[in-house]
Amino acid sequence: MLLHSSDKPERTIIPMKRKLLCGLLAALVLTCVSAKAAPCRVVPVQVDGTVLSQGVNYLESGVTYVPLRGLLNAFGGWSVWWDSSRKVAAASSGSQSVTADPAGNTVTVNGRTYSGKVFVERGRTYIPLRILVTALGGGVAWDPYLGGAAVTSPGAEHDAMDLYWLSRIISAESQGESLTGQIAVGNVVLNRVKSAEFPNSIPAVIFDRKHDVQFTPVSNGTVYLPPTAQSVEAAKRALSGESTAGGAMYFYAPALSQGVWINANRTYLMTIGCHRFYL
């Protein structure tokens, strides 16, 4: 549900799941020490909308380090192993190859060698995230709303940060709706991105506070919860250009809000499921 100054529900407490996650990350920060490294902190890393779950990820002096196996498993199609004879981590996928050398602090991708700290911790080989991803043809961006890195894998159809947040706002706003209704919620976000009245990126639209919090899930914290599979599908379809809400830039659920501001200031367009959409 969209929020407006005259339509705001009472604020609610951020879900306990997020509080526990924050507490766990805080505890890890206190013990975050990598081989031959200065103190660092633990950060989340997501690949194509899904947070890496294998091992922890470190941020040190502006560089994010991730477990090689966890990252390549997220990409899919890679075999990863430890070469005990050379004391390096190695990986291959078809004609592509990666070697991470802790002794030489180098990462070799398809025959080209890059300098960057490589270390082994708790049986996992850590490599500089950006070096490997960009060498393989993917993209890396820092996501201030996640507080970590967003990785778009090589050949991915959608930007990882866009998919991550669009799928979550769709899920939090409309996970009980049909696929058509969920795509429509995604359309509203994307229509706002295109409009000069709103910020020009998906995360910035979702977390926009120019006229107070715009979306209820940002206010109550449910935007941080994992999305449903259907919400991810809806986000992908919306990002691919599928539209079920036309040019709508506002919506609300009459069961949850009277929509006083929207009804008085915007033009009604259609109703899909439990949501009314407006231009």
Protein backbone atom coordinates (compact mmCIF):
# COMPACT_ATOMS: atom_id res chain seq x y z
CA MET A 1 0.00 0.00 0.00
CA LEU A 2 1.26 3.45 -0.90
CA LEU A 3 1.56 5.92 1.95
CA HIS A 4 0.74 9.59 1.83
CA SER A 5 0.78 12.23 4.56
CA SER A 6 -2.99 11.96 4.96
CA ASP A 7 -3.22 8.19 4.58
CA LYS A 8 -0.49 6.89 6.88
CA PRO A 9 -1.26 3.87 9.10
CA GLU A 10 0.41 3.57 12.47
CA ARG A 11 4.05 2.58 12.25
CA THR A 12 4.82 -0.96 13.29
CA ILE A 13 7.92 -2.61 14.68
CA ILE A 14 10.40 -4.06 12.20
CA PRO A 15 9.99 -7.88 12.08
CA MET A 16 11.92 -9.91 14.65
CA LYS A 17 13.62 -11.85 11.82
CA ARG A 18 15.37 -8.69 10.65
CA LYS A 19 16.36 -7.77 14.22
CA LEU A 20 17.94 -11.20 14.71
CA LEU A 21 19.80 -10.88 11.38
CA CYS A 22 21.14 -7.47 12.38
CA GLY A 23 22.26 -8.86 15.73
CA LEU A 24 24.05 -11.76 14.06
CA LEU A 25 25.86 -9.46 11.63
CA ALA A 26 26.87 -7.20 14.50
CA ALA A 27 28.34 -10.14 16.36
CA LEU A 28 30.23 -11.28 13.27
CA VAL A 29 31.67 -7.80 12.80
CA LEU A 30 33.35 -8.06 16.19
CA THR A 31 35.15 -11.24 15.17
CA CYS A 32 35.78 -10.48 11.50
CA VAL A 33 39.46 -11.15 10.89
CA SER A 34 40.91 -12.47 7.63
CA ALA A 35 44.39 -13.85 7.07
CA LYS A 36 47.03 -11.10 6.88
CA ALA A 37 44.26 -8.50 7.06
CA ALA A 38 43.40 -5.41 9.03
CA PRO A 39 40.05 -5.45 10.87
CA CYS A 40 37.13 -5.73 8.47
CA ARG A 41 33.36 -6.03 8.65
CA VAL A 42 30.83 -8.54 7.46
CA VAL A 43 28.51 -7.48 4.62
CA PRO A 44 25.76 -9.19 2.63
CA VAL A 45 26.29 -9.95 -1.04
CA GLN A 46 23.45 -10.84 -3.39
CA VAL A 47 23.70 -12.37 -6.84
CA ASP A 48 20.82 -11.81 -9.28
CA GLY A 49 18.46 -11.07 -6.40
CA THR A 50 19.47 -13.91 -4.06
CA VAL A 51 21.74 -13.37 -1.05
CA LEU A 52 24.81 -15.61 -0.89
CA SER A 53 24.43 -18.14 1.92
CA GLN A 54 27.75 -20.01 1.77
CA GLY A 55 30.19 -18.44 4.23
CA VAL A 56 30.44 -14.78 5.20
CA ASN A 57 31.59 -11.87 3.06
CA TYR A 58 34.08 -9.26 4.21
CA LEU A 59 34.51 -5.59 3.41
CA GLU A 60 38.01 -4.28 4.01
CA SER A 61 39.45 -0.96 2.80
CA GLY A 62 36.66 -0.63 0.23
CA VAL A 63 37.14 -4.13 -1.20
CA THR A 64 34.55 -6.88 -0.78
CA TYR A 65 35.86 -10.43 -0.39
CA VAL A 66 33.67 -13.48 -1.01
CA PRO A 67 34.20 -17.27 -0.99
CA LEU A 68 35.12 -18.34 -4.51
CA ARG A 69 32.96 -21.47 -4.41
CA GLY A 70 29.89 -19.67 -3.07
CA LEU A 71 30.05 -17.00 -5.77
CA LEU A 72 30.58 -19.40 -8.68
CA ASN A 73 27.90 -21.76 -7.38
CA ALA A 74 25.52 -18.81 -7.50
CA PHE A 75 26.51 -18.18 -11.12
CA GLY A 76 25.80 -21.83 -11.94
CA GLY A 77 27.63 -24.25 -14.20
CA TRP A 78 31.02 -24.02 -12.46
CA SER A 79 33.17 -26.78 -10.93
CA VAL A 80 35.38 -25.60 -8.05
CA TRP A 81 38.14 -27.51 -6.29
CA TRP A 82 41.35 -27.13 -4.29
CA ASP A 83 44.50 -28.03 -6.23
CA SER A 84 46.71 -29.40 -3.46
CA SER A 85 49.76 -29.78 -5.70
CA ARG A 86 49.82 -26.07 -6.60
CA LYS A 87 48.11 -24.91 -3.38
CA VAL A 88 45.57 -22.86 -5.29
CA ALA A 89 41.80 -22.86 -5.67
CA ALA A 90 40.73 -23.67 -9.21
CA ALA A 91 37.47 -23.56 -11.12
CA SER A 92 36.23 -24.25 -14.62
CA SER A 93 33.08 -23.83 -16.70
CA GLY A 94 33.29 -24.96 -20.29
CA SER A 95 36.23 -23.11 -21.82
CA GLN A 96 36.51 -20.67 -18.92
CA SER A 97 38.90 -21.08 -16.00
CA VAL A 98 39.73 -19.36 -12.72
CA THR A 99 42.69 -19.81 -10.40
CA ALA A 100 43.02 -18.10 -7.02
CA ASP A 101 46.51 -18.15 -5.49
CA PRO A 102 46.71 -17.23 -1.77
CA ALA A 103 50.54 -17.28 -1.75
CA GLY A 104 50.87 -14.96 -4.73
CA ASN A 105 47.76 -12.87 -4.02
CA THR A 106 46.59 -13.24 -7.60
CA VAL A 107 43.43 -14.27 -9.41
CA THR A 108 43.83 -15.64 -12.93
CA VAL A 109 40.75 -15.56 -15.15
CA ASN A 110 40.88 -17.16 -18.60
CA GLY A 111 44.65 -16.79 -18.70
CA ARG A 112 44.82 -13.18 -17.52
CA THR A 113 46.26 -12.55 -14.05
CA TYR A 114 45.03 -9.84 -11.66
CA SER A 115 46.65 -8.74 -8.41
CA GLY A 116 44.44 -8.79 -5.34
CA LYS A 117 44.56 -10.29 -1.89
CA VAL A 118 43.50 -13.94 -1.75
CA PHE A 119 43.22 -15.76 1.56
CA VAL A 120 41.92 -18.98 3.03
CA GLU A 121 39.68 -18.90 6.10
CA ARG A 122 37.87 -21.88 7.62
CA GLY A 123 38.48 -23.96 4.52
CA ARG A 124 37.15 -21.33 2.14
CA THR A 125 39.21 -19.42 -0.42
CA TYR A 126 38.32 -15.71 -0.49
CA ILE A 127 38.82 -13.53 -3.55
CA PRO A 128 38.19 -9.83 -4.34
CA LEU A 129 34.60 -9.76 -5.60
CA ARG A 130 34.86 -7.03 -8.22
CA ILE A 131 38.04 -8.41 -9.83
CA LEU A 132 36.50 -11.79 -10.56
CA VAL A 133 33.01 -10.64 -11.52
CA THR A 134 34.14 -7.96 -13.95
CA ALA A 135 36.77 -10.27 -15.47
CA LEU A 136 34.00 -12.78 -16.20
CA GLY A 137 31.81 -10.09 -17.76
CA GLY A 138 29.38 -9.46 -14.88
CA GLY A 139 28.67 -6.32 -12.89
CA VAL A 140 29.08 -5.22 -9.26
CA ALA A 141 27.44 -2.28 -7.53
CA TRP A 142 27.30 -1.15 -3.92
CA ASP A 143 23.73 -1.15 -2.63
CA PRO A 144 23.32 1.37 0.22
CA TYR A 145 19.85 0.03 1.07
CA LEU A 146 21.18 -3.52 1.40
CA GLY A 147 24.41 -2.37 3.01
CA GLY A 148 26.31 -4.72 0.75
CA ALA A 149 27.18 -5.63 -2.82
CA ALA A 150 24.78 -6.43 -5.65
CA VAL A 151 26.22 -8.77 -8.28
CA THR A 152 24.75 -9.14 -11.74
CA SER A 153 26.07 -12.41 -13.11
CA PRO A 154 27.53 -12.64 -16.63
CA GLY A 155 24.70 -12.84 -19.14
CA ALA A 156 21.95 -12.06 -16.60
CA GLU A 157 18.80 -10.56 -18.09
CA HIS A 158 18.16 -8.08 -15.28
CA ASP A 159 20.22 -5.82 -13.04
CA ALA A 160 20.66 -7.55 -9.68
CA MET A 161 19.80 -4.51 -7.54
CA ASP A 162 16.65 -3.78 -9.53
CA LEU A 163 15.46 -7.38 -9.34
CA TYR A 164 16.28 -7.66 -5.63
CA TRP A 165 14.23 -4.67 -4.50
CA LEU A 166 11.43 -4.85 -7.06
CA SER A 167 10.68 -8.47 -6.18
CA ARG A 168 10.67 -7.60 -2.49
CA ILE A 169 8.35 -4.61 -2.72
CA ILE A 170 5.98 -6.62 -4.94
CA SER A 171 5.99 -9.49 -2.46
CA ALA A 172 5.52 -7.26 0.58
CA GLU A 173 2.75 -5.24 -1.06
CA SER A 174 0.85 -7.96 -2.90
CA GLN A 175 2.01 -11.52 -2.24
CA GLY A 176 -1.63 -12.64 -1.90
CA GLU A 177 -2.56 -11.19 -5.29
CA SER A 178 -2.61 -12.85 -8.70
CA LEU A 179 0.41 -12.65 -10.98
CA THR A 180 -1.42 -9.95 -12.93
CA GLY A 181 -1.89 -7.90 -9.76
CA GLN A 182 1.72 -8.34 -8.73
CA ILE A 183 3.01 -7.24 -12.12
CA ALA A 184 0.78 -4.17 -11.78
CA VAL A 185 2.48 -3.22 -8.49
CA GLY A 186 5.83 -3.56 -10.24
CA ASN A 187 4.52 -1.35 -13.07
CA VAL A 188 3.75 1.43 -10.59
CA VAL A 189 7.34 1.42 -9.34
CA LEU A 190 8.76 1.41 -12.87
CA ASN A 191 6.38 4.16 -13.99
CA ARG A 192 7.64 6.29 -11.14
CA VAL A 193 11.24 5.69 -12.18
CA LYS A 194 10.37 7.10 -15.61
CA SER A 195 8.58 10.13 -14.15
CA ALA A 196 10.38 13.40 -13.38
CA GLU A 197 8.32 13.62 -10.18
CA PHE A 198 10.15 10.72 -8.55
CA PRO A 199 13.72 9.39 -8.15
CA ASN A 200 15.27 7.75 -11.21
CA SER A 201 16.11 4.29 -9.87
CA ILE A 202 14.03 1.41 -8.52
CA PRO A 203 15.58 1.33 -5.03
CA ALA A 204 15.38 5.12 -4.72
CA VAL A 205 11.68 5.09 -5.66
CA ILE A 206 10.94 2.36 -3.12
CA PHE A 207 12.79 4.13 -0.31
CA ASP A 208 11.75 7.64 -1.36
CA ARG A 209 11.11 9.90 1.64
CA LYS A 210 10.54 13.23 -0.11
CA HIS A 211 6.92 13.26 1.07
CA ASP A 212 7.47 10.86 3.97
CA VAL A 213 7.66 7.07 3.44
CA GLN A 214 5.92 6.11 0.19
CA PHE A 215 5.33 2.39 0.71
CA THR A 216 3.94 0.69 3.82
CA PRO A 217 6.47 -2.20 3.69
CA VAL A 218 9.30 0.32 4.04
CA SER A 219 7.60 1.69 7.13
CA ASN A 220 6.96 -1.69 8.77
CA GLY A 221 10.10 -3.46 7.55
CA THR A 222 8.47 -6.21 5.49
CA VAL A 223 10.28 -4.99 2.36
CA TYR A 224 13.39 -6.70 3.77
CA LEU A 225 11.79 -10.15 3.86
CA PRO A 226 12.56 -12.73 1.13
CA PRO A 227 10.10 -12.54 -1.77
CA THR A 228 7.82 -15.33 -2.92
CA ALA A 229 8.68 -17.18 -6.13
CA GLN A 230 5.68 -15.60 -7.86
CA SER A 231 6.82 -12.12 -6.81
CA VAL A 232 10.23 -12.78 -8.34
CA GLU A 233 8.51 -13.89 -11.55
CA ALA A 234 6.33 -10.76 -11.49
CA ALA A 235 9.38 -8.55 -11.04
CA LYS A 236 11.16 -10.21 -13.96
CA ARG A 237 8.12 -9.78 -16.20
CA ALA A 238 7.71 -6.13 -15.22
CA LEU A 239 11.39 -5.48 -15.85
CA SER A 240 11.04 -7.16 -19.26
CA GLY A 241 8.33 -4.69 -20.20
CA GLU A 242 5.12 -6.59 -19.40
CA SER A 243 2.44 -4.18 -18.20
CA THR A 244 -0.94 -4.85 -16.59
CA ALA A 245 -1.44 -1.43 -14.98
CA GLY A 246 -0.84 0.91 -17.90
CA GLY A 247 0.60 4.23 -16.75
CA ALA A 248 -0.55 3.91 -13.12
CA MET A 249 1.71 5.57 -10.57
CA TYR A 250 -0.41 5.10 -7.45
CA PHE A 251 -2.39 2.30 -5.84
CA TYR A 252 -3.96 1.40 -2.53
CA ALA A 253 -6.00 -1.36 -0.94
CA PRO A 254 -9.44 -0.10 0.19
CA ALA A 255 -9.50 -2.77 2.88
CA LEU A 256 -6.44 -1.20 4.50
CA SER A 257 -6.76 2.50 3.70
CA GLN A 258 -9.42 5.05 2.76
CA GLY A 259 -7.07 6.46 0.11
CA VAL A 260 -8.19 10.00 0.89
CA TRP A 261 -5.29 11.76 -0.82
CA ILE A 262 -5.25 9.50 -3.87
CA ASN A 263 -9.01 9.73 -4.44
CA ALA A 264 -8.90 13.50 -4.17
CA ASN A 265 -5.84 14.12 -6.32
CA ARG A 266 -5.37 11.30 -8.83
CA THR A 267 -7.40 9.79 -11.68
CA TYR A 268 -8.83 6.30 -11.14
CA LEU A 269 -7.64 3.79 -13.73
CA MET A 270 -8.60 0.25 -12.76
CA THR A 271 -9.01 -2.31 -9.98
CA ILE A 272 -6.97 -5.51 -9.95
CA GLY A 273 -7.65 -7.89 -7.10
CA CYS A 274 -7.58 -5.96 -3.84
CA HIS A 275 -5.83 -2.87 -5.26
CA ARG A 276 -7.18 0.24 -6.95
CA PHE A 277 -4.77 1.86 -9.42
CA TYR A 278 -4.54 5.56 -10.32
CA LEU A 279 -2.71 7.76 -12.82
